[in-house]
């Protein structure tokens, strides 16, 4: 099954805790994957943000985390990540406009 990355719906819930900034869900038509986390990072990502994105995962008995969602093709993951960051920035701007009751300048 081929998926057009531009057709993936990115749903973001802003959290605003210490390091956790948002939880993201992706809708792929009839399928959805929830639990991507946006965390603060000391390093800048490819989009210029000091944030990193981690897919949903689960811990084993030893405390090691294993991914639930995995994209084996690195270039495809980069495209998906870029799509998520673009939508994150757009929705983050809207989130803060609403939070602080800001109006667009015209």
C-alpha atoms as a PDB file:
ATOM      1  CA  UNK A   1       0.000   0.000   0.000  1.00  0.00           C
ATOM      2  CA  UNK A   2       1.420   3.376  -1.032  1.00  0.00           C
ATOM      3  CA  UNK A   3       0.584   6.413   1.060  1.00  0.00           C
ATOM      4  CA  UNK A   4       0.781   9.998  -0.144  1.00  0.00           C
ATOM      5  CA  UNK A   5       2.458  11.897   2.681  1.00  0.00           C
ATOM      6  CA  UNK A   6       0.584  15.088   1.777  1.00  0.00           C
ATOM      7  CA  UNK A   7      -2.727  13.274   2.435  1.00  0.00           C
ATOM      8  CA  UNK A   8      -1.780  12.260   5.982  1.00  0.00           C
ATOM      9  CA  UNK A   9      -3.790  14.198   8.536  1.00  0.00           C
ATOM     10  CA  UNK A  10      -1.620  15.431  11.414  1.00  0.00           C
ATOM     11  CA  UNK A  11      -3.537  15.954  14.669  1.00  0.00           C
ATOM     12  CA  UNK A  12      -1.698  17.792  17.418  1.00  0.00           C
ATOM     13  CA  UNK A  13      -2.553  18.176  21.090  1.00  0.00           C
ATOM     14  CA  UNK A  14      -0.344  20.801  22.718  1.00  0.00           C
ATOM     15  CA  UNK A  15       0.727  19.807  26.229  1.00  0.00           C
ATOM     16  CA  UNK A  16       3.138  22.544  27.408  1.00  0.00           C
ATOM     17  CA  UNK A  17       4.762  20.569  30.212  1.00  0.00           C
ATOM     18  CA  UNK A  18       8.450  20.927  31.050  1.00  0.00           C
ATOM     19  CA  UNK A  19      10.001  19.058  28.121  1.00  0.00           C
ATOM     20  CA  UNK A  20       6.928  17.498  26.502  1.00  0.00           C
ATOM     21  CA  UNK A  21       5.401  20.016  24.108  1.00  0.00           C
ATOM     22  CA  UNK A  22       2.809  17.996  22.180  1.00  0.00           C
ATOM     23  CA  UNK A  23       1.313  14.601  21.400  1.00  0.00           C
ATOM     24  CA  UNK A  24       0.690  13.876  17.718  1.00  0.00           C
ATOM     25  CA  UNK A  25      -1.600  11.467  15.921  1.00  0.00           C
ATOM     26  CA  UNK A  26      -1.412  10.606  12.227  1.00  0.00           C
ATOM     27  CA  UNK A  27      -4.444   9.544  10.198  1.00  0.00           C
ATOM     28  CA  UNK A  28      -3.678   7.464   7.102  1.00  0.00           C
ATOM     29  CA  UNK A  29      -7.214   7.206   5.723  1.00  0.00           C
ATOM     30  CA  UNK A  30      -8.621   4.073   7.384  1.00  0.00           C
ATOM     31  CA  UNK A  31      -5.681   3.783   9.810  1.00  0.00           C
ATOM     32  CA  UNK A  32      -4.445   6.000  12.633  1.00  0.00           C
ATOM     33  CA  UNK A  33      -1.261   6.002  14.705  1.00  0.00           C
ATOM     34  CA  UNK A  34      -1.271   7.998  17.928  1.00  0.00           C
ATOM     35  CA  UNK A  35       1.400   8.728  20.490  1.00  0.00           C
ATOM     36  CA  UNK A  36       4.171  10.584  18.645  1.00  0.00           C
ATOM     37  CA  UNK A  37       5.807  12.934  21.152  1.00  0.00           C
ATOM     38  CA  UNK A  38       7.363  16.354  20.575  1.00  0.00           C
ATOM     39  CA  UNK A  39      10.061  17.008  23.153  1.00  0.00           C
ATOM     40  CA  UNK A  40      12.479  19.857  23.865  1.00  0.00           C
ATOM     41  CA  UNK A  41      16.006  19.225  22.659  1.00  0.00           C
ATOM     42  CA  UNK A  42      19.340  20.969  23.160  1.00  0.00           C
ATOM     43  CA  UNK A  43      19.975  20.379  19.442  1.00  0.00           C
ATOM     44  CA  UNK A  44      18.323  22.016  16.440  1.00  0.00           C
ATOM     45  CA  UNK A  45      16.359  19.719  14.119  1.00  0.00           C
ATOM     46  CA  UNK A  46      16.290  19.887  10.292  1.00  0.00           C
ATOM     47  CA  UNK A  47      13.541  22.534  10.465  1.00  0.00           C
ATOM     48  CA  UNK A  48      15.510  24.835  12.772  1.00  0.00           C
ATOM     49  CA  UNK A  49      13.540  23.999  15.921  1.00  0.00           C
ATOM     50  CA  UNK A  50      15.056  22.891  19.222  1.00  0.00           C
ATOM     51  CA  UNK A  51      12.612  20.002  19.318  1.00  0.00           C
ATOM     52  CA  UNK A  52      12.733  16.316  18.494  1.00  0.00           C
ATOM     53  CA  UNK A  53      10.040  13.902  17.417  1.00  0.00           C
ATOM     54  CA  UNK A  54       9.782  10.390  18.757  1.00  0.00           C
ATOM     55  CA  UNK A  55       7.376   7.738  17.461  1.00  0.00           C
ATOM     56  CA  UNK A  56       5.136   5.826  19.866  1.00  0.00           C
ATOM     57  CA  UNK A  57       6.953   3.116  21.798  1.00  0.00           C
ATOM     58  CA  UNK A  58       6.535   0.741  24.722  1.00  0.00           C
ATOM     59  CA  UNK A  59       8.937  -0.233  27.522  1.00  0.00           C
ATOM     60  CA  UNK A  60      10.006  -3.824  28.128  1.00  0.00           C
ATOM     61  CA  UNK A  61      10.601  -5.272  31.610  1.00  0.00           C
ATOM     62  CA  UNK A  62      14.176  -3.991  31.548  1.00  0.00           C
ATOM     63  CA  UNK A  63      13.096  -0.402  30.852  1.00  0.00           C
ATOM     64  CA  UNK A  64      14.257  -0.393  27.233  1.00  0.00           C
ATOM     65  CA  UNK A  65      11.826   1.255  24.794  1.00  0.00           C
ATOM     66  CA  UNK A  66      10.781  -0.367  21.517  1.00  0.00           C
ATOM     67  CA  UNK A  67       9.078   1.527  18.668  1.00  0.00           C
ATOM     68  CA  UNK A  68       5.483   0.714  17.797  1.00  0.00           C
ATOM     69  CA  UNK A  69       5.684   2.709  14.560  1.00  0.00           C
ATOM     70  CA  UNK A  70       8.696   2.312  12.318  1.00  0.00           C
ATOM     71  CA  UNK A  71       9.541   3.476   8.781  1.00  0.00           C
ATOM     72  CA  UNK A  72      12.327   1.261   7.416  1.00  0.00           C
ATOM     73  CA  UNK A  73      13.157   3.608   4.533  1.00  0.00           C
ATOM     74  CA  UNK A  74      15.124   6.549   5.976  1.00  0.00           C
ATOM     75  CA  UNK A  75      14.193   8.975   3.158  1.00  0.00           C
ATOM     76  CA  UNK A  76      10.496   8.235   3.646  1.00  0.00           C
ATOM     77  CA  UNK A  77      10.827   8.875   7.392  1.00  0.00           C
ATOM     78  CA  UNK A  78      12.520  12.227   6.649  1.00  0.00           C
ATOM     79  CA  UNK A  79       9.614  13.213   4.350  1.00  0.00           C
ATOM     80  CA  UNK A  80       7.058  12.223   6.987  1.00  0.00           C
ATOM     81  CA  UNK A  81       8.991  14.067   9.681  1.00  0.00           C
ATOM     82  CA  UNK A  82       9.147  17.190   7.488  1.00  0.00           C
ATOM     83  CA  UNK A  83       5.363  17.010   6.960  1.00  0.00           C
ATOM     84  CA  UNK A  84       4.808  16.692  10.717  1.00  0.00           C
ATOM     85  CA  UNK A  85       7.084  19.662  11.512  1.00  0.00           C
ATOM     86  CA  UNK A  86       5.378  21.858   8.906  1.00  0.00           C
ATOM     87  CA  UNK A  87       1.979  21.080  10.399  1.00  0.00           C
ATOM     88  CA  UNK A  88       3.346  21.477  13.941  1.00  0.00           C
ATOM     89  CA  UNK A  89       4.602  24.988  13.182  1.00  0.00           C
ATOM     90  CA  UNK A  90       1.320  25.972  11.529  1.00  0.00           C
ATOM     91  CA  UNK A  91      -0.847  24.619  14.359  1.00  0.00           C
ATOM     92  CA  UNK A  92       1.530  25.977  17.014  1.00  0.00           C
ATOM     93  CA  UNK A  93       1.115  29.497  15.582  1.00  0.00           C
ATOM     94  CA  UNK A  94      -2.683  29.103  15.671  1.00  0.00           C
ATOM     95  CA  UNK A  95      -2.533  27.665  19.201  1.00  0.00           C
ATOM     96  CA  UNK A  96      -0.660  30.715  20.534  1.00  0.00           C
ATOM     97  CA  UNK A  97      -2.817  33.178  18.612  1.00  0.00           C
ATOM     98  CA  UNK A  98      -5.864  31.720  20.361  1.00  0.00           C
ATOM     99  CA  UNK A  99      -4.120  31.426  23.738  1.00  0.00           C
ATOM    100  CA  UNK A 100      -3.026  35.070  23.777  1.00  0.00           C
ATOM    101  CA  UNK A 101      -5.971  36.398  21.709  1.00  0.00           C
ATOM    102  CA  UNK A 102      -3.677  37.739  18.975  1.00  0.00           C
ATOM    103  CA  UNK A 103      -5.039  39.070  15.708  1.00  0.00           C
ATOM    104  CA  UNK A 104      -3.449  38.785  12.267  1.00  0.00           C
ATOM    105  CA  UNK A 105      -1.934  42.051  11.069  1.00  0.00           C
ATOM    106  CA  UNK A 106      -3.421  43.270   7.786  1.00  0.00           C
END
